[in-house]
Amino acid sequence: MGSGLNEKRKGFLRLRLLDPVLHNEVDKVLVLHEDGLTRFGFDTSRKVLEGHGTTIEVLNQADAKPPQQELVEDLITMISHFSGKLYGMRSSKQKEVVKRAKELFAQA
């Protein structure tokens, strides 16, 4: 459904998940990966949903990555997201910023 960092992504908004959860109308939410629901704050989201009788089941837990790789991917995602907002999502400047960030993290 797109990046878990973008709460305005079409797939996420189309789900209209929050209202039914807050009204205790949803028993279980299935996600492929933790970051498919939200890039950050997954445990907080789980706690809120569980407080309304909803469990979250992550289907692809076998694909767990080392913490360092997850951190690098999170940083690149954040740089991409915010540089896209700053420069425009299709601009060459945004693509250059992301390219340089990837190069920088590949050296680390």
PDB file of N, CA and C in Angstrom:
ATOM      1  N   MET A   1       0.813  -1.191   0.000  1.00  0.00           N
ATOM      2  CA  MET A   1       0.000   0.000   0.000  1.00  0.00           C
ATOM      3  C   MET A   1       0.854   1.250   0.000  1.00  0.00           C
ATOM      4  N   GLY A   2       2.114   1.111  -0.341  1.00  0.00           N
ATOM      5  CA  GLY A   2       2.986   2.279  -0.369  1.00  0.00           C
ATOM      6  C   GLY A   2       3.802   2.392   0.893  1.00  0.00           C
ATOM      7  N   SER A   3       4.536   3.455   0.978  1.00  0.00           N
ATOM      8  CA  SER A   3       5.423   3.670   2.107  1.00  0.00           C
ATOM      9  C   SER A   3       4.649   3.874   3.399  1.00  0.00           C
ATOM     10  N   GLY A   4       5.056   3.164   4.443  1.00  0.00           N
ATOM     11  CA  GLY A   4       4.442   3.334   5.748  1.00  0.00           C
ATOM     12  C   GLY A   4       4.720   4.691   6.353  1.00  0.00           C
ATOM     13  N   LEU A   5       5.599   5.462   5.747  1.00  0.00           N
ATOM     14  CA  LEU A   5       5.904   6.804   6.237  1.00  0.00           C
ATOM     15  C   LEU A   5       4.843   7.799   5.783  1.00  0.00           C
ATOM     16  N   ASN A   6       4.182   7.504   4.692  1.00  0.00           N
ATOM     17  CA  ASN A   6       3.206   8.420   4.122  1.00  0.00           C
ATOM     18  C   ASN A   6       1.792   8.055   4.577  1.00  0.00           C
ATOM     19  N   GLU A   7       1.258   8.786   5.538  1.00  0.00           N
ATOM     20  CA  GLU A   7      -0.088   8.508   6.040  1.00  0.00           C
ATOM     21  C   GLU A   7      -1.172   8.942   5.067  1.00  0.00           C
ATOM     22  N   LYS A   8      -0.795   9.681   4.018  1.00  0.00           N
ATOM     23  CA  LYS A   8      -1.776  10.142   3.036  1.00  0.00           C
ATOM     24  C   LYS A   8      -1.786   9.271   1.778  1.00  0.00           C
ATOM     25  N   ARG A   9      -1.088   8.140   1.815  1.00  0.00           N
ATOM     26  CA  ARG A   9      -1.045   7.283   0.632  1.00  0.00           C
ATOM     27  C   ARG A   9      -2.441   6.737   0.324  1.00  0.00           C
ATOM     28  N   LYS A  10      -2.736   6.593  -0.959  1.00  0.00           N
ATOM     29  CA  LYS A  10      -4.073   6.227  -1.408  1.00  0.00           C
ATOM     30  C   LYS A  10      -4.555   4.918  -0.786  1.00  0.00           C
ATOM     31  N   GLY A  11      -3.719   3.894  -0.798  1.00  0.00           N
ATOM     32  CA  GLY A  11      -4.135   2.593  -0.273  1.00  0.00           C
ATOM     33  C   GLY A  11      -4.487   2.646   1.206  1.00  0.00           C
ATOM     34  N   PHE A  12      -3.720   3.382   1.962  1.00  0.00           N
ATOM     35  CA  PHE A  12      -3.965   3.497   3.401  1.00  0.00           C
ATOM     36  C   PHE A  12      -5.266   4.253   3.665  1.00  0.00           C
ATOM     37  N   LEU A  13      -5.482   5.350   2.965  1.00  0.00           N
ATOM     38  CA  LEU A  13      -6.704   6.136   3.159  1.00  0.00           C
ATOM     39  C   LEU A  13      -7.936   5.346   2.709  1.00  0.00           C
ATOM     40  N   ARG A  14      -7.785   4.568   1.643  1.00  0.00           N
ATOM     41  CA  ARG A  14      -8.902   3.780   1.130  1.00  0.00           C
ATOM     42  C   ARG A  14      -9.346   2.724   2.137  1.00  0.00           C
ATOM     43  N   LEU A  15      -8.412   2.231   2.949  1.00  0.00           N
ATOM     44  CA  LEU A  15      -8.759   1.221   3.949  1.00  0.00           C
ATOM     45  C   LEU A  15      -9.723   1.759   5.001  1.00  0.00           C
ATOM     46  N   ARG A  16      -9.572   3.039   5.320  1.00  0.00           N
ATOM     47  CA  ARG A  16     -10.391   3.650   6.373  1.00  0.00           C
ATOM     48  C   ARG A  16     -10.367   2.765   7.616  1.00  0.00           C
ATOM     49  N   LEU A  17      -9.180   2.453   8.045  1.00  0.00           N
ATOM     50  CA  LEU A  17      -8.974   1.503   9.132  1.00  0.00           C
ATOM     51  C   LEU A  17      -9.241   2.086  10.513  1.00  0.00           C
ATOM     52  N   LEU A  18      -8.863   3.313  10.719  1.00  0.00           N
ATOM     53  CA  LEU A  18      -8.885   3.870  12.071  1.00  0.00           C
ATOM     54  C   LEU A  18     -10.290   3.964  12.672  1.00  0.00           C
ATOM     55  N   ASP A  19     -11.251   4.469  11.925  1.00  0.00           N
ATOM     56  CA  ASP A  19     -12.598   4.626  12.489  1.00  0.00           C
ATOM     57  C   ASP A  19     -13.206   3.297  12.933  1.00  0.00           C
ATOM     58  N   PRO A  20     -13.198   2.263  12.091  1.00  0.00           N
ATOM     59  CA  PRO A  20     -13.766   0.986  12.556  1.00  0.00           C
ATOM     60  C   PRO A  20     -13.026   0.408  13.775  1.00  0.00           C
ATOM     61  N   VAL A  21     -11.707   0.601  13.825  1.00  0.00           N
ATOM     62  CA  VAL A  21     -10.942   0.117  14.980  1.00  0.00           C
ATOM     63  C   VAL A  21     -11.372   0.860  16.234  1.00  0.00           C
ATOM     64  N   LEU A  22     -11.482   2.182  16.140  1.00  0.00           N
ATOM     65  CA  LEU A  22     -11.865   2.979  17.305  1.00  0.00           C
ATOM     66  C   LEU A  22     -13.290   2.684  17.764  1.00  0.00           C
ATOM     67  N   HIS A  23     -14.109   2.143  16.871  1.00  0.00           N
ATOM     68  CA  HIS A  23     -15.474   1.756  17.242  1.00  0.00           C
ATOM     69  C   HIS A  23     -15.568   0.259  17.552  1.00  0.00           C
ATOM     70  N   ASN A  24     -14.412  -0.379  17.745  1.00  0.00           N
ATOM     71  CA  ASN A  24     -14.341  -1.803  18.112  1.00  0.00           C
ATOM     72  C   ASN A  24     -15.047  -2.706  17.101  1.00  0.00           C
ATOM     73  N   GLU A  25     -14.920  -2.382  15.819  1.00  0.00           N
ATOM     74  CA  GLU A  25     -15.571  -3.149  14.754  1.00  0.00           C
ATOM     75  C   GLU A  25     -14.607  -4.064  13.999  1.00  0.00           C
ATOM     76  N   VAL A  26     -13.331  -4.043  14.357  1.00  0.00           N
ATOM     77  CA  VAL A  26     -12.313  -4.833  13.654  1.00  0.00           C
ATOM     78  C   VAL A  26     -11.645  -5.762  14.655  1.00  0.00           C
ATOM     79  N   ASP A  27     -11.602  -7.062  14.328  1.00  0.00           N
ATOM     80  CA  ASP A  27     -10.968  -8.038  15.220  1.00  0.00           C
ATOM     81  C   ASP A  27      -9.477  -8.185  14.952  1.00  0.00           C
ATOM     82  N   LYS A  28      -9.110  -8.174  13.655  1.00  0.00           N
ATOM     83  CA  LYS A  28      -7.712  -8.446  13.302  1.00  0.00           C
ATOM     84  C   LYS A  28      -7.313  -7.654  12.068  1.00  0.00           C
ATOM     85  N   VAL A  29      -6.076  -7.140  12.081  1.00  0.00           N
ATOM     86  CA  VAL A  29      -5.491  -6.468  10.927  1.00  0.00           C
ATOM     87  C   VAL A  29      -4.305  -7.306  10.473  1.00  0.00           C
ATOM     88  N   LEU A  30      -4.270  -7.661   9.196  1.00  0.00           N
ATOM     89  CA  LEU A  30      -3.165  -8.425   8.624  1.00  0.00           C
ATOM     90  C   LEU A  30      -2.281  -7.486   7.808  1.00  0.00           C
ATOM     91  N   VAL A  31      -0.978  -7.541   8.044  1.00  0.00           N
ATOM     92  CA  VAL A  31      -0.017  -6.764   7.264  1.00  0.00           C
ATOM     93  C   VAL A  31       1.098  -7.698   6.809  1.00  0.00           C
ATOM     94  N   LEU A  32       1.658  -7.412   5.638  1.00  0.00           N
ATOM     95  CA  LEU A  32       2.775  -8.233   5.155  1.00  0.00           C
ATOM     96  C   LEU A  32       4.027  -7.965   5.971  1.00  0.00           C
ATOM     97  N   HIS A  33       4.307  -6.689   6.233  1.00  0.00           N
ATOM     98  CA  HIS A  33       5.483  -6.277   6.988  1.00  0.00           C
ATOM     99  C   HIS A  33       5.050  -5.230   7.998  1.00  0.00           C
ATOM    100  N   GLU A  34       5.783  -5.114   9.086  1.00  0.00           N
ATOM    101  CA  GLU A  34       5.457  -4.112  10.099  1.00  0.00           C
ATOM    102  C   GLU A  34       5.403  -2.718   9.507  1.00  0.00           C
ATOM    103  N   ASP A  35       6.353  -2.402   8.625  1.00  0.00           N
ATOM    104  CA  ASP A  35       6.395  -1.045   8.081  1.00  0.00           C
ATOM    105  C   ASP A  35       5.361  -0.810   6.984  1.00  0.00           C
ATOM    106  N   GLY A  36       4.549  -1.788   6.660  1.00  0.00           N
ATOM    107  CA  GLY A  36       3.464  -1.580   5.721  1.00  0.00           C
ATOM    108  C   GLY A  36       2.328  -0.781   6.331  1.00  0.00           C
ATOM    109  N   LEU A  37       2.172  -0.897   7.637  1.00  0.00           N
ATOM    110  CA  LEU A  37       1.143  -0.140   8.337  1.00  0.00           C
ATOM    111  C   LEU A  37       1.664   1.236   8.708  1.00  0.00           C
ATOM    112  N   THR A  38       2.818   1.267   9.324  1.00  0.00           N
ATOM    113  CA  THR A  38       3.444   2.532   9.703  1.00  0.00           C
ATOM    114  C   THR A  38       4.951   2.323   9.764  1.00  0.00           C
ATOM    115  N   ARG A  39       5.694   3.263   9.251  1.00  0.00           N
ATOM    116  CA  ARG A  39       7.151   3.106   9.206  1.00  0.00           C
ATOM    117  C   ARG A  39       7.758   3.181  10.605  1.00  0.00           C
ATOM    118  N   PHE A  40       7.177   4.052  11.428  1.00  0.00           N
ATOM    119  CA  PHE A  40       7.665   4.218  12.792  1.00  0.00           C
ATOM    120  C   PHE A  40       6.489   4.087  13.744  1.00  0.00           C
ATOM    121  N   GLY A  41       6.754   3.673  14.960  1.00  0.00           N
ATOM    122  CA  GLY A  41       5.704   3.603  15.970  1.00  0.00           C
ATOM    123  C   GLY A  41       4.803   2.395  15.833  1.00  0.00           C
ATOM    124  N   PHE A  42       5.319   1.297  15.266  1.00  0.00           N
ATOM    125  CA  PHE A  42       4.487   0.103  15.089  1.00  0.00           C
ATOM    126  C   PHE A  42       3.991  -0.418  16.434  1.00  0.00           C
ATOM    127  N   ASP A  43       4.868  -0.459  17.428  1.00  0.00           N
ATOM    128  CA  ASP A  43       4.455  -0.975  18.739  1.00  0.00           C
ATOM    129  C   ASP A  43       3.378  -0.095  19.368  1.00  0.00           C
ATOM    130  N   THR A  44       3.479   1.215  19.162  1.00  0.00           N
ATOM    131  CA  THR A  44       2.445   2.127  19.669  1.00  0.00           C
ATOM    132  C   THR A  44       1.126   1.875  18.945  1.00  0.00           C
ATOM    133  N   SER A  45       1.191   1.707  17.628  1.00  0.00           N
ATOM    134  CA  SER A  45      -0.022   1.406  16.857  1.00  0.00           C
ATOM    135  C   SER A  45      -0.644   0.104  17.327  1.00  0.00           C
ATOM    136  N   ARG A  46       0.195  -0.898  17.564  1.00  0.00           N
ATOM    137  CA  ARG A  46      -0.309  -2.192  18.044  1.00  0.00           C
ATOM    138  C   ARG A  46      -1.031  -2.016  19.385  1.00  0.00           C
ATOM    139  N   LYS A  47      -0.436  -1.229  20.276  1.00  0.00           N
ATOM    140  CA  LYS A  47      -1.038  -1.026  21.594  1.00  0.00           C
ATOM    141  C   LYS A  47      -2.393  -0.317  21.481  1.00  0.00           C
ATOM    142  N   VAL A  48      -2.480   0.696  20.622  1.00  0.00           N
ATOM    143  CA  VAL A  48      -3.745   1.410  20.428  1.00  0.00           C
ATOM    144  C   VAL A  48      -4.800   0.456  19.865  1.00  0.00           C
ATOM    145  N   LEU A  49      -4.434  -0.301  18.836  1.00  0.00           N
ATOM    146  CA  LEU A  49      -5.387  -1.227  18.243  1.00  0.00           C
ATOM    147  C   LEU A  49      -5.827  -2.287  19.254  1.00  0.00           C
ATOM    148  N   GLU A  50      -4.874  -2.836  19.990  1.00  0.00           N
ATOM    149  CA  GLU A  50      -5.229  -3.850  20.987  1.00  0.00           C
ATOM    150  C   GLU A  50      -6.131  -3.273  22.069  1.00  0.00           C
ATOM    151  N   GLY A  51      -5.973  -1.981  22.387  1.00  0.00           N
ATOM    152  CA  GLY A  51      -6.847  -1.329  23.357  1.00  0.00           C
ATOM    153  C   GLY A  51      -8.290  -1.261  22.884  1.00  0.00           C
ATOM    154  N   HIS A  52      -8.495  -1.464  21.578  1.00  0.00           N
ATOM    155  CA  HIS A  52      -9.842  -1.463  21.014  1.00  0.00           C
ATOM    156  C   HIS A  52     -10.232  -2.853  20.514  1.00  0.00           C
ATOM    157  N   GLY A  53      -9.564  -3.877  21.040  1.00  0.00           N
ATOM    158  CA  GLY A  53      -9.928  -5.253  20.719  1.00  0.00           C
ATOM    159  C   GLY A  53      -9.459  -5.748  19.368  1.00  0.00           C
ATOM    160  N   THR A  54      -8.478  -5.083  18.767  1.00  0.00           N
ATOM    161  CA  THR A  54      -7.964  -5.460  17.448  1.00  0.00           C
ATOM    162  C   THR A  54      -6.531  -5.957  17.576  1.00  0.00           C
ATOM    163  N   THR A  55      -6.244  -7.104  16.992  1.00  0.00           N
ATOM    164  CA  THR A  55      -4.875  -7.605  16.975  1.00  0.00           C
ATOM    165  C   THR A  55      -4.266  -7.327  15.601  1.00  0.00           C
ATOM    166  N   ILE A  56      -2.936  -7.219  15.571  1.00  0.00           N
ATOM    167  CA  ILE A  56      -2.208  -7.053  14.307  1.00  0.00           C
ATOM    168  C   ILE A  56      -1.389  -8.319  14.096  1.00  0.00           C
ATOM    169  N   GLU A  57      -1.540  -8.902  12.921  1.00  0.00           N
ATOM    170  CA  GLU A  57      -0.753 -10.087  12.576  1.00  0.00           C
ATOM    171  C   GLU A  57       0.177  -9.733  11.422  1.00  0.00           C
ATOM    172  N   VAL A  58       1.476  -9.923  11.651  1.00  0.00           N
ATOM    173  CA  VAL A  58       2.486  -9.655  10.627  1.00  0.00           C
ATOM    174  C   VAL A  58       2.783 -10.972   9.927  1.00  0.00           C
ATOM    175  N   LEU A  59       2.546 -11.018   8.622  1.00  0.00           N
ATOM    176  CA  LEU A  59       2.667 -12.266   7.872  1.00  0.00           C
ATOM    177  C   LEU A  59       4.096 -12.617   7.491  1.00  0.00           C
ATOM    178  N   ASN A  60       4.941 -11.639   7.181  1.00  0.00           N
ATOM    179  CA  ASN A  60       6.301 -11.906   6.702  1.00  0.00           C
ATOM    180  C   ASN A  60       7.350 -11.609   7.767  1.00  0.00           C
ATOM    181  N   GLN A  61       7.247 -12.216   8.910  1.00  0.00           N
ATOM    182  CA  GLN A  61       8.248 -11.996   9.943  1.00  0.00           C
ATOM    183  C   GLN A  61       9.543 -12.733   9.636  1.00  0.00           C
ATOM    184  N   ALA A  62       9.479 -13.720   8.742  1.00  0.00           N
ATOM    185  CA  ALA A  62      10.680 -14.469   8.370  1.00  0.00           C
ATOM    186  C   ALA A  62      11.667 -13.600   7.602  1.00  0.00           C
ATOM    187  N   ASP A  63      11.188 -12.491   7.037  1.00  0.00           N
ATOM    188  CA  ASP A  63      12.039 -11.599   6.258  1.00  0.00           C
ATOM    189  C   ASP A  63      12.753 -10.577   7.137  1.00  0.00           C
ATOM    190  N   ALA A  64      12.832 -10.843   8.426  1.00  0.00           N
ATOM    191  CA  ALA A  64      13.440  -9.867   9.348  1.00  0.00           C
ATOM    192  C   ALA A  64      14.868  -9.550   8.910  1.00  0.00           C
ATOM    193  N   LYS A  65      15.211  -8.272   8.969  1.00  0.00           N
ATOM    194  CA  LYS A  65      16.527  -7.806   8.546  1.00  0.00           C
ATOM    195  C   LYS A  65      17.351  -7.468   9.774  1.00  0.00           C
ATOM    196  N   PRO A  66      18.669  -7.462   9.626  1.00  0.00           N
ATOM    197  CA  PRO A  66      19.511  -7.022  10.744  1.00  0.00           C
ATOM    198  C   PRO A  66      19.180  -5.579  11.108  1.00  0.00           C
ATOM    199  N   PRO A  67      19.291  -5.211  12.389  1.00  0.00           N
ATOM    200  CA  PRO A  67      18.949  -3.852  12.817  1.00  0.00           C
ATOM    201  C   PRO A  67      19.689  -2.769  12.038  1.00  0.00           C
ATOM    202  N   GLN A  68      20.962  -3.017  11.677  1.00  0.00           N
ATOM    203  CA  GLN A  68      21.721  -2.010  10.934  1.00  0.00           C
ATOM    204  C   GLN A  68      21.101  -1.763   9.562  1.00  0.00           C
ATOM    205  N   GLN A  69      20.687  -2.837   8.886  1.00  0.00           N
ATOM    206  CA  GLN A  69      20.081  -2.694   7.567  1.00  0.00           C
ATOM    207  C   GLN A  69      18.748  -1.960   7.672  1.00  0.00           C
ATOM    208  N   GLU A  70      17.954  -2.286   8.693  1.00  0.00           N
ATOM    209  CA  GLU A  70      16.680  -1.590   8.889  1.00  0.00           C
ATOM    210  C   GLU A  70      16.906  -0.100   9.130  1.00  0.00           C
ATOM    211  N   LEU A  71      17.927   0.232   9.924  1.00  0.00           N
ATOM    212  CA  LEU A  71      18.222   1.636  10.215  1.00  0.00           C
ATOM    213  C   LEU A  71      18.612   2.383   8.950  1.00  0.00           C
ATOM    214  N   VAL A  72      19.489   1.794   8.146  1.00  0.00           N
ATOM    215  CA  VAL A  72      19.919   2.431   6.896  1.00  0.00           C
ATOM    216  C   VAL A  72      18.714   2.625   5.970  1.00  0.00           C
ATOM    217  N   GLU A  73      17.868   1.609   5.850  1.00  0.00           N
ATOM    218  CA  GLU A  73      16.692   1.726   4.990  1.00  0.00           C
ATOM    219  C   GLU A  73      15.732   2.795   5.515  1.00  0.00           C
ATOM    220  N   ASP A  74      15.571   2.875   6.834  1.00  0.00           N
ATOM    221  CA  ASP A  74      14.715   3.907   7.425  1.00  0.00           C
ATOM    222  C   ASP A  74      15.266   5.300   7.137  1.00  0.00           C
ATOM    223  N   LEU A  75      16.580   5.462   7.267  1.00  0.00           N
ATOM    224  CA  LEU A  75      17.193   6.769   7.000  1.00  0.00           C
ATOM    225  C   LEU A  75      17.032   7.173   5.540  1.00  0.00           C
ATOM    226  N   ILE A  76      17.242   6.230   4.634  1.00  0.00           N
ATOM    227  CA  ILE A  76      17.083   6.524   3.209  1.00  0.00           C
ATOM    228  C   ILE A  76      15.626   6.859   2.909  1.00  0.00           C
ATOM    229  N   THR A  77      14.699   6.146   3.523  1.00  0.00           N
ATOM    230  CA  THR A  77      13.284   6.441   3.326  1.00  0.00           C
ATOM    231  C   THR A  77      12.937   7.841   3.806  1.00  0.00           C
ATOM    232  N   MET A  78      13.457   8.210   4.969  1.00  0.00           N
ATOM    233  CA  MET A  78      13.185   9.550   5.504  1.00  0.00           C
ATOM    234  C   MET A  78      13.782  10.631   4.610  1.00  0.00           C
ATOM    235  N   ILE A  79      15.024  10.423   4.165  1.00  0.00           N
ATOM    236  CA  ILE A  79      15.672  11.398   3.279  1.00  0.00           C
ATOM    237  C   ILE A  79      14.874  11.524   1.988  1.00  0.00           C
ATOM    238  N   SER A  80      14.460  10.403   1.437  1.00  0.00           N
ATOM    239  CA  SER A  80      13.676  10.415   0.205  1.00  0.00           C
ATOM    240  C   SER A  80      12.350  11.143   0.394  1.00  0.00           C
ATOM    241  N   HIS A  81      11.684  10.841   1.478  1.00  0.00           N
ATOM    242  CA  HIS A  81      10.377  11.449   1.745  1.00  0.00           C
ATOM    243  C   HIS A  81      10.482  12.962   1.900  1.00  0.00           C
ATOM    244  N   PHE A  82      11.404  13.403   2.754  1.00  0.00           N
ATOM    245  CA  PHE A  82      11.482  14.828   3.033  1.00  0.00           C
ATOM    246  C   PHE A  82      12.141  15.618   1.908  1.00  0.00           C
ATOM    247  N   SER A  83      13.088  15.020   1.202  1.00  0.00           N
ATOM    248  CA  SER A  83      13.657  15.739   0.062  1.00  0.00           C
ATOM    249  C   SER A  83      12.635  15.822  -1.062  1.00  0.00           C
ATOM    250  N   GLY A  84      11.780  14.805  -1.172  1.00  0.00           N
ATOM    251  CA  GLY A  84      10.712  14.850  -2.154  1.00  0.00           C
ATOM    252  C   GLY A  84       9.741  15.980  -1.863  1.00  0.00           C
ATOM    253  N   LYS A  85       9.432  16.173  -0.593  1.00  0.00           N
ATOM    254  CA  LYS A  85       8.550  17.280  -0.227  1.00  0.00           C
ATOM    255  C   LYS A  85       9.219  18.615  -0.506  1.00  0.00           C
ATOM    256  N   LEU A  86      10.511  18.695  -0.209  1.00  0.00           N
ATOM    257  CA  LEU A  86      11.234  19.943  -0.379  1.00  0.00           C
ATOM    258  C   LEU A  86      11.413  20.299  -1.854  1.00  0.00           C
ATOM    259  N   TYR A  87      11.796  19.326  -2.670  1.00  0.00           N
ATOM    260  CA  TYR A  87      12.147  19.601  -4.061  1.00  0.00           C
ATOM    261  C   TYR A  87      11.063  19.229  -5.064  1.00  0.00           C
ATOM    262  N   GLY A  88      10.032  18.566  -4.637  1.00  0.00           N
ATOM    263  CA  GLY A  88       9.012  18.077  -5.572  1.00  0.00           C
ATOM    264  C   GLY A  88       9.291  16.625  -5.883  1.00  0.00           C
ATOM    265  N   MET A  89       8.281  15.809  -5.823  1.00  0.00           N
ATOM    266  CA  MET A  89       8.454  14.355  -5.909  1.00  0.00           C
ATOM    267  C   MET A  89       9.116  13.872  -7.202  1.00  0.00           C
ATOM    268  N   ARG A  90       9.008  14.594  -8.287  1.00  0.00           N
ATOM    269  CA  ARG A  90       9.573  14.106  -9.535  1.00  0.00           C
ATOM    270  C   ARG A  90      10.827  14.880  -9.958  1.00  0.00           C
ATOM    271  N   SER A  91      11.310  15.708  -9.111  1.00  0.00           N
ATOM    272  CA  SER A  91      12.430  16.546  -9.537  1.00  0.00           C
ATOM    273  C   SER A  91      13.746  15.783  -9.531  1.00  0.00           C
ATOM    274  N   SER A  92      14.644  16.240 -10.343  1.00  0.00           N
ATOM    275  CA  SER A  92      15.963  15.612 -10.413  1.00  0.00           C
ATOM    276  C   SER A  92      16.762  15.877  -9.144  1.00  0.00           C
ATOM    277  N   LYS A  93      16.490  17.004  -8.473  1.00  0.00           N
ATOM    278  CA  LYS A  93      17.207  17.298  -7.224  1.00  0.00           C
ATOM    279  C   LYS A  93      16.893  16.254  -6.167  1.00  0.00           C
ATOM    280  N   GLN A  94      15.622  15.870  -6.042  1.00  0.00           N
ATOM    281  CA  GLN A  94      15.231  14.873  -5.060  1.00  0.00           C
ATOM    282  C   GLN A  94      15.906  13.541  -5.367  1.00  0.00           C
ATOM    283  N   LYS A  95      15.939  13.161  -6.631  1.00  0.00           N
ATOM    284  CA  LYS A  95      16.585  11.906  -7.016  1.00  0.00           C
ATOM    285  C   LYS A  95      18.079  11.948  -6.713  1.00  0.00           C
ATOM    286  N   GLU A  96      18.712  13.087  -6.924  1.00  0.00           N
ATOM    287  CA  GLU A  96      20.141  13.236  -6.641  1.00  0.00           C
ATOM    288  C   GLU A  96      20.415  13.124  -5.143  1.00  0.00           C
ATOM    289  N   VAL A  97      19.565  13.725  -4.320  1.00  0.00           N
ATOM    290  CA  VAL A  97      19.732  13.640  -2.862  1.00  0.00           C
ATOM    291  C   VAL A  97      19.643  12.185  -2.416  1.00  0.00           C
ATOM    292  N   VAL A  98      18.652  11.455  -2.904  1.00  0.00           N
ATOM    293  CA  VAL A  98      18.487  10.052  -2.527  1.00  0.00           C
ATOM    294  C   VAL A  98      19.666   9.225  -3.014  1.00  0.00           C
ATOM    295  N   LYS A  99      20.127   9.489  -4.238  1.00  0.00           N
ATOM    296  CA  LYS A  99      21.277   8.752  -4.784  1.00  0.00           C
ATOM    297  C   LYS A  99      22.513   8.965  -3.916  1.00  0.00           C
ATOM    298  N   ARG A 100      22.759  10.202  -3.537  1.00  0.00           N
ATOM    299  CA  ARG A 100      23.936  10.495  -2.712  1.00  0.00           C
ATOM    300  C   ARG A 100      23.815   9.890  -1.318  1.00  0.00           C
ATOM    301  N   ALA A 101      22.614   9.868  -0.765  1.00  0.00           N
ATOM    302  CA  ALA A 101      22.405   9.251   0.548  1.00  0.00           C
ATOM    303  C   ALA A 101      22.705   7.752   0.480  1.00  0.00           C
ATOM    304  N   LYS A 102      22.225   7.098  -0.573  1.00  0.00           N
ATOM    305  CA  LYS A 102      22.498   5.673  -0.737  1.00  0.00           C
ATOM    306  C   LYS A 102      23.999   5.413  -0.862  1.00  0.00           C
ATOM    307  N   GLU A 103      24.684   6.262  -1.626  1.00  0.00           N
ATOM    308  CA  GLU A 103      26.132   6.117  -1.772  1.00  0.00           C
ATOM    309  C   GLU A 103      26.836   6.299  -0.425  1.00  0.00           C
ATOM    310  N   LEU A 104      26.407   7.283   0.317  1.00  0.00           N
ATOM    311  CA  LEU A 104      27.008   7.551   1.620  1.00  0.00           C
ATOM    312  C   LEU A 104      26.820   6.376   2.564  1.00  0.00           C
ATOM    313  N   PHE A 105      25.608   5.830   2.624  1.00  0.00           N
ATOM    314  CA  PHE A 105      25.350   4.715   3.529  1.00  0.00           C
ATOM    315  C   PHE A 105      26.002   3.423   3.048  1.00  0.00           C
ATOM    316  N   ALA A 106      26.225   3.294   1.754  1.00  0.00           N
ATOM    317  CA  ALA A 106      26.897   2.095   1.231  1.00  0.00           C
ATOM    318  C   ALA A 106      28.364   2.081   1.668  1.00  0.00           C
ATOM    319  N   GLN A 107      28.955   3.266   1.875  1.00  0.00           N
ATOM    320  CA  GLN A 107      30.345   3.350   2.296  1.00  0.00           C
ATOM    321  C   GLN A 107      30.512   3.020   3.774  1.00  0.00           C
ATOM    322  N   ALA A 108      29.453   3.199   4.564  1.00  0.00           N
ATOM    323  CA  ALA A 108      29.537   3.005   6.021  1.00  0.00           C
ATOM    324  C   ALA A 108      29.622   1.553   6.410  1.00  0.00           C
TER     325      ALA A 108
END
